[in-house]
Protein backbone atom coordinates (compact mmCIF):
# COMPACT_ATOMS: atom_id res chain seq x y z
CA MET A 1 0.00 0.00 0.00
CA LEU A 2 1.22 3.50 -0.88
CA LYS A 3 2.13 5.59 2.13
CA LYS A 4 3.94 8.79 2.97
CA ARG A 5 7.47 8.29 4.19
CA ASP A 6 7.83 8.30 7.97
CA LYS A 7 10.92 10.41 8.62
CA SER A 8 11.22 8.93 12.10
CA GLN A 9 12.24 5.54 10.72
CA ASP A 10 15.88 6.03 11.60
CA GLU A 11 16.56 2.33 11.55
CA SER A 12 16.35 2.40 7.73
CA VAL A 13 19.07 5.02 7.40
CA LEU A 14 22.62 3.96 6.71
CA SER A 15 25.34 5.39 8.90
CA THR A 16 27.12 8.58 7.84
CA GLU A 17 30.39 6.70 7.49
CA GLN A 18 28.81 4.23 5.07
CA ASN A 19 27.25 7.05 3.08
CA HIS A 20 30.56 8.86 2.66
CA GLN A 21 32.00 5.74 1.03
CA GLN A 22 29.31 5.87 -1.68
CA LEU A 23 28.56 8.12 -4.62
CA LEU A 24 25.84 10.69 -4.04
CA LEU A 25 22.45 9.32 -4.98
CA SER A 26 21.34 12.73 -6.16
CA ASP A 27 24.06 12.65 -8.84
CA VAL A 28 22.49 9.72 -10.71
CA PRO A 29 22.73 10.66 -14.43
CA PHE A 30 19.07 10.13 -15.32
CA LYS A 31 17.56 10.84 -18.71
CA ILE A 32 15.02 13.67 -18.86
CA PRO A 33 11.79 12.60 -20.61
CA THR A 34 10.65 14.79 -23.50
CA SER A 35 7.19 13.23 -23.84
CA GLY A 36 4.60 11.30 -21.87
CA GLN A 37 5.81 7.98 -23.31
CA ALA A 38 6.55 5.39 -20.62
CA GLN A 39 10.27 4.72 -20.40
CA ARG A 40 13.21 3.97 -18.16
CA LEU A 41 15.26 7.04 -17.32
CA PHE A 42 18.10 5.30 -15.51
CA HIS A 43 19.09 1.63 -15.38
CA GLY A 44 21.77 1.02 -12.80
CA ARG A 45 21.46 -2.76 -13.05
CA SER A 46 23.16 -2.59 -16.45
CA HIS A 47 26.42 -2.17 -14.46
CA VAL A 48 27.44 0.66 -16.78
CA TYR A 49 27.51 3.19 -13.91
CA GLN A 50 29.63 1.82 -11.09
CA GLY A 51 28.21 2.55 -7.68
CA TYR A 52 24.65 2.93 -8.93
CA GLU A 53 23.87 -0.72 -9.66
CA HIS A 54 21.11 -0.73 -7.03
CA ILE A 55 18.84 1.91 -8.58
CA ALA A 56 16.42 2.32 -11.47
CA ILE A 57 14.19 5.27 -12.39
CA ASP A 58 11.04 4.97 -14.52
CA TRP A 59 8.77 7.58 -16.08
CA LEU A 60 5.18 6.42 -15.75
CA SER A 61 3.49 9.74 -16.45
CA PRO A 62 2.70 11.61 -14.27
CA VAL A 63 4.72 9.49 -11.80
CA LEU A 64 8.49 9.15 -11.47
CA LEU A 65 9.23 5.83 -9.79
CA ILE A 66 12.59 5.18 -8.13
CA THR A 67 13.29 1.49 -7.57
CA LEU A 68 15.93 0.51 -5.01
CA TYR A 69 17.52 -2.92 -4.72
CA LYS A 70 19.42 -2.15 -1.52
CA GLU A 71 19.19 0.25 1.41
CA VAL A 72 20.33 3.84 0.88
CA ASP A 73 20.72 7.01 2.90
CA ILE A 74 17.25 8.53 3.31
CA SER A 75 18.43 12.14 3.07
CA GLU A 76 20.18 11.34 -0.23
CA LEU A 77 17.04 9.64 -1.49
CA GLN A 78 14.98 12.71 -0.66
CA LEU A 79 17.44 14.97 -2.50
CA LEU A 80 17.17 12.76 -5.59
CA ALA A 81 13.37 12.83 -5.41
CA GLU A 82 13.30 16.62 -5.14
CA LYS A 83 15.74 16.93 -8.04
CA LEU A 84 13.58 14.69 -10.21
CA PHE A 85 10.42 16.55 -9.25
CA SER A 86 11.90 19.95 -10.10
CA THR A 87 13.50 18.75 -13.35
CA VAL A 88 10.47 17.05 -14.94
CA ASP A 89 7.83 19.79 -15.18
CA VAL A 90 4.81 17.55 -15.75
CA CYS A 91 5.64 15.17 -12.91
CA THR A 92 3.10 15.30 -10.07
CA SER A 93 4.45 12.46 -7.91
CA VAL A 94 7.84 10.96 -7.06
CA GLN A 95 7.68 7.57 -5.37
CA VAL A 96 10.15 4.92 -4.29
CA GLN A 97 9.85 1.16 -4.28
CA TYR A 98 12.03 -0.84 -1.90
CA ARG A 99 12.51 -4.02 -3.92
CA TYR A 100 15.02 -5.36 -1.41
CA GLN A 101 12.22 -5.65 1.13
CA GLN A 102 9.98 -8.70 1.07
CA THR A 103 6.80 -7.17 -0.35
CA GLY A 104 8.46 -4.40 -2.36
CA PRO A 105 6.55 -1.58 -0.60
CA ILE A 106 6.13 1.83 -2.24
CA GLU A 107 6.34 5.22 -0.51
CA LEU A 108 5.55 8.74 -1.63
CA LEU A 109 8.56 11.08 -1.48
CA VAL A 110 7.42 14.27 -3.20
CA GLY A 111 4.16 15.51 -4.66
CA GLU A 112 0.70 13.97 -4.72
CA PRO A 113 -0.31 10.37 -3.95
CA CYS A 114 -0.99 8.26 -7.04
CA THR A 115 -1.76 4.55 -6.91
CA ALA A 116 -2.83 4.03 -10.53
CA THR A 117 -2.27 5.66 -13.89
CA ILE A 118 -2.65 4.95 -17.59
CA ILE A 119 0.56 5.18 -19.55
CA GLU A 120 1.22 5.27 -23.29
CA GLU A 121 3.78 3.48 -25.42
CA HIS A 122 3.84 4.04 -29.18
CA GLY A 123 0.14 4.86 -29.33
CA LEU A 124 -1.04 2.04 -27.06
CA LYS A 125 -2.36 2.44 -23.52
CA TYR A 126 -1.69 0.28 -20.47
CA GLN A 127 -2.89 0.32 -16.88
CA ILE A 128 -0.23 0.81 -14.23
CA THR A 129 -0.73 0.22 -10.51
CA LEU A 130 1.59 1.36 -7.72
CA GLY A 131 1.72 -0.33 -4.33
CA ARG A 132 -0.55 -3.26 -5.14
CA ALA A 133 2.18 -5.71 -6.19
CA GLN A 134 5.92 -5.81 -6.81
CA ASN A 135 5.48 -5.20 -10.54
CA THR A 136 3.56 -2.24 -11.95
CA GLY A 137 1.87 -4.00 -14.88
CA LEU A 138 4.29 -3.35 -17.76
CA PHE A 139 7.92 -4.40 -18.27
CA LEU A 140 9.65 -1.47 -19.96
CA ASP A 141 12.62 -3.52 -21.16
CA MET A 142 10.24 -5.43 -23.48
CA LYS A 143 9.17 -2.35 -25.47
CA ASN A 144 11.02 -3.47 -28.61
CA GLY A 145 9.43 -6.90 -28.29
CA ARG A 146 5.96 -5.35 -28.21
CA ASP A 147 6.82 -3.26 -31.26
CA TRP A 148 7.98 -6.40 -33.07
CA VAL A 149 4.73 -8.23 -32.23
CA LYS A 150 2.63 -5.32 -33.49
CA ASN A 151 4.57 -5.36 -36.76
CA ASN A 152 4.41 -9.14 -37.24
CA ALA A 153 0.96 -10.19 -36.06
CA GLN A 154 -1.07 -9.46 -39.20
CA ASP A 155 -3.81 -12.14 -39.57
CA ALA A 156 -1.99 -14.44 -37.11
CA ARG A 157 -3.58 -16.73 -34.55
CA VAL A 158 -1.44 -15.90 -31.52
CA LEU A 159 -0.63 -18.01 -28.46
CA ASN A 160 0.60 -15.83 -25.59
CA LEU A 161 2.05 -17.94 -22.75
CA PHE A 162 2.72 -16.38 -19.32
CA SER A 163 0.72 -13.40 -20.58
CA TYR A 164 0.70 -11.38 -17.31
CA THR A 165 -1.34 -8.21 -18.09
CA CYS A 166 -1.52 -9.10 -21.80
CA ALA A 167 0.67 -6.30 -23.16
CA PHE A 168 1.80 -8.55 -26.02
CA SER A 169 -1.85 -9.33 -26.73
CA VAL A 170 -2.65 -5.60 -26.93
CA ALA A 171 0.24 -5.17 -29.39
CA ALA A 172 -0.90 -8.17 -31.45
CA ILE A 173 -4.49 -6.98 -31.80
CA ALA A 174 -3.21 -3.49 -32.65
CA GLY A 175 -1.20 -5.23 -35.39
CA ASN A 176 -4.38 -6.86 -36.77
CA ALA A 177 -3.92 -10.36 -35.38
CA ALA A 178 -6.82 -12.68 -36.15
CA SER A 179 -7.02 -13.84 -32.51
CA VAL A 180 -5.00 -14.11 -29.30
CA PHE A 181 -5.13 -16.81 -26.61
CA ASN A 182 -3.68 -15.43 -23.35
CA ILE A 183 -2.70 -17.88 -20.62
CA ASP A 184 -1.49 -17.00 -17.13
CA MET A 185 -2.06 -18.41 -13.64
CA SER A 186 -3.02 -14.99 -12.26
CA LYS A 187 -6.69 -14.09 -12.68
CA PRO A 188 -6.11 -10.47 -11.54
CA SER A 189 -3.39 -10.04 -14.20
CA LEU A 190 -5.71 -11.39 -16.88
CA ALA A 191 -8.47 -9.05 -15.69
CA THR A 192 -6.06 -6.15 -16.12
CA GLY A 193 -5.24 -7.52 -19.56
CA ARG A 194 -8.90 -7.42 -20.52
CA ASP A 195 -9.07 -3.82 -19.30
CA ASN A 196 -5.96 -2.98 -21.33
CA HIS A 197 -7.71 -4.16 -24.49
CA ARG A 198 -10.79 -2.10 -23.64
CA LEU A 199 -8.60 0.96 -23.02
CA ASN A 200 -7.40 0.65 -26.61
CA GLY A 201 -10.88 0.13 -28.08
CA HIS A 202 -10.15 -3.43 -29.19
CA ASP A 203 -12.69 -6.04 -30.22
CA THR A 204 -12.35 -8.42 -27.26
CA SER A 205 -14.24 -11.16 -29.11
CA LYS A 206 -10.88 -11.83 -30.80
CA VAL A 207 -9.17 -12.31 -27.43
CA LYS A 208 -9.39 -15.26 -25.04
CA PHE A 209 -8.17 -15.18 -21.43
CA ASP A 210 -7.57 -18.39 -19.48
CA SER A 211 -6.19 -18.79 -15.96
CA LEU A 212 -4.25 -22.03 -16.23
CA ASP A 213 -1.13 -23.78 -15.06
CA ILE A 214 0.53 -24.06 -18.46
CA PHE A 215 2.46 -27.19 -17.59
CA LYS A 216 -0.76 -28.98 -16.63
CA SER A 217 -2.81 -27.66 -19.55
CA PHE A 218 -1.03 -28.69 -22.74
CA GLY A 219 -4.13 -30.53 -23.95
CA ARG A 220 -6.30 -27.44 -23.59
CA ILE A 221 -3.72 -25.28 -25.33
CA LYS A 222 -3.58 -27.71 -28.25
CA LYS A 223 -7.38 -27.82 -28.46
CA HIS A 224 -7.58 -24.12 -29.26
CA GLY A 225 -4.79 -24.26 -31.86
CA PRO A 226 -2.98 -24.50 -34.11
CA TYR A 227 -1.31 -21.10 -33.92
CA ASP A 228 0.77 -18.95 -36.25
CA LEU A 229 2.69 -16.94 -33.65
CA LEU A 230 3.91 -18.12 -30.25
CA ILE A 231 4.96 -15.62 -27.60
CA CYS A 232 6.59 -17.24 -24.58
CA ASP A 233 7.83 -14.90 -21.84
CA PRO A 234 8.11 -17.03 -18.70
CA PRO A 235 9.23 -15.95 -15.23
CA SER A 236 12.63 -17.30 -14.24
CA PHE A 237 11.24 -18.85 -11.07
CA GLN A 238 7.93 -19.05 -9.25
CA LYS A 239 7.82 -21.25 -6.19
CA GLY A 240 5.73 -24.32 -6.82
CA SER A 241 5.03 -23.58 -10.49
CA VAL A 242 8.01 -22.51 -12.63
CA ASP A 243 11.73 -23.17 -12.68
CA ILE A 244 12.58 -22.12 -16.20
CA LYS A 245 15.96 -23.88 -16.30
CA ARG A 246 14.09 -27.11 -15.68
CA ASP A 247 10.84 -26.31 -17.47
CA TYR A 248 11.57 -24.42 -20.70
CA LYS A 249 12.22 -27.66 -22.55
CA LYS A 250 8.71 -28.87 -21.69
CA ILE A 251 7.25 -26.02 -23.73
CA ILE A 252 9.72 -26.25 -26.63
CA ARG A 253 9.04 -29.95 -27.20
CA ARG A 254 5.29 -29.18 -27.54
CA ILE A 255 5.78 -26.76 -30.43
CA PRO A 256 4.89 -29.37 -33.10
CA GLU A 257 1.56 -29.95 -31.31
CA PHE A 258 0.72 -26.26 -30.95
CA MET A 259 1.99 -24.54 -34.07
CA ASN A 260 1.16 -24.41 -37.75
CA PRO A 261 3.89 -25.18 -40.30
CA ASN A 262 5.96 -22.09 -41.07
CA SER A 263 4.82 -20.39 -37.86
CA VAL A 264 6.96 -17.90 -35.92
CA LEU A 265 8.15 -18.17 -32.31
CA MET A 266 9.18 -15.39 -29.93
CA LEU A 267 11.09 -17.02 -27.07
CA CYS A 268 12.10 -14.86 -24.11
CA LEU A 269 14.47 -15.44 -21.20
CA ASN A 270 14.74 -13.11 -18.22
CA SER A 271 17.13 -14.97 -15.94
CA PRO A 272 20.53 -13.30 -15.39
CA ASP A 273 21.90 -16.76 -14.60
CA LEU A 274 20.97 -18.30 -17.97
CA ASP A 275 22.50 -17.05 -21.20
CA THR A 276 21.40 -16.97 -24.83
CA GLU A 277 23.23 -20.20 -25.49
CA PHE A 278 21.06 -22.00 -22.92
CA LEU A 279 17.93 -21.06 -24.85
CA LYS A 280 19.44 -21.87 -28.24
CA GLN A 281 20.64 -25.26 -27.03
CA THR A 282 17.26 -26.05 -25.46
CA VAL A 283 15.52 -25.33 -28.77
CA ALA A 284 18.08 -27.40 -30.71
CA ASP A 285 17.67 -30.36 -28.34
CA GLU A 286 13.89 -30.34 -28.09
CA CYS A 287 12.63 -29.17 -31.51
CA ALA A 288 15.08 -29.50 -34.38
CA ASP A 289 12.52 -28.08 -36.83
CA CYS A 290 12.86 -24.65 -35.20
CA HIS A 291 15.23 -22.41 -37.13
CA TYR A 292 16.81 -19.33 -35.61
CA LEU A 293 16.02 -16.05 -37.35
CA SER A 294 17.09 -13.14 -35.20
CA GLU A 295 17.38 -11.53 -31.77
CA ILE A 296 15.42 -8.56 -30.47
CA LEU A 297 17.52 -6.30 -28.30
CA PRO A 298 15.96 -4.22 -25.52
CA PRO A 299 16.01 -0.39 -25.64
CA THR A 300 19.54 1.01 -25.51
CA ILE A 301 19.22 2.16 -21.90
CA PHE A 302 18.92 -1.50 -20.84
CA LYS A 303 22.15 -2.55 -22.55
CA ASN A 304 24.09 -4.56 -20.01
CA ALA A 305 27.82 -4.18 -19.45
CA VAL A 306 27.89 -7.84 -18.40
CA GLU A 307 27.11 -9.94 -21.45
CA ASN A 308 23.98 -12.12 -21.32
CA GLN A 309 22.75 -10.89 -17.93
CA GLY A 310 19.90 -8.85 -19.37
CA LEU A 311 16.73 -9.78 -21.23
CA LYS A 312 17.10 -12.26 -24.10
CA VAL A 313 14.49 -12.44 -26.91
CA LEU A 314 15.02 -14.84 -29.82
CA ILE A 315 12.91 -15.25 -32.95
CA TYR A 316 12.54 -18.67 -34.58
CA ARG A 317 10.57 -20.13 -37.46
CA TYR A 318 9.01 -23.56 -37.03
CA LYS A 319 9.22 -25.58 -40.23
CA SER A 320 7.72 -29.05 -39.94
CA GLU A 321 8.38 -31.74 -42.53
């Protein structure tokens, strides 16, 4: 739940000696947005800026969201928030999310409270929520992937696995897909996905939403096929349901059952511990009729100084005999 910061919480403040050993948080070299388009303004986890690996800043108009992956000096955090607020004229709220804490709580630092907003990305609208869950509803590093889907979904029957809030589905319907089948275990995420389609004025009769455990529902997935475009963007790990190092092969080996001949596959991998070669080898081992076409790189700001630690998105064509 969103709350105003309690300045009396001294236990969350690092010691002055520790702070002096660090770079000033307020000196983070963030990008200044020139439009209302949702985007990342600073990506410390790319390891390009030494000393700032624990911070990210997103523009979710009218909100600037600071995400922290470790504890920082509260006075420095406040200075950064005030600098952001004064620099971005149309910003009405600066908030911080403490991702290093168990529930990833969000606090208001400067401006007005805001727990929900509608953001835009290349003409499409998406719901964003702040303080309800760890993730806001849209992964900004996948922007180029959504653009690719919009440009390659014409007349396709799309299967969207691990669909979350159905951003790929929105992009596919915007790109004139014939239909989309969204599958995710989270009913609230799928409900948001339905709302995202309505926000964009889409014909929802072309879109199906099913709350399923994918690994226990292969028969149902096959029943609604075959498909022309597969989008698979799984979490790296979810306790009790997904361990992608173990489970990706279970999906890849089902491609001949799900997909039409000459169909296209968009296979994503988010784990920093698994590289592109892992995904390529898994495809080669489990479905030899899949042929590599290309890789979609994330926006430049997400470029990682450590090779293969960032998002991986590979495009394949499935050619059956």
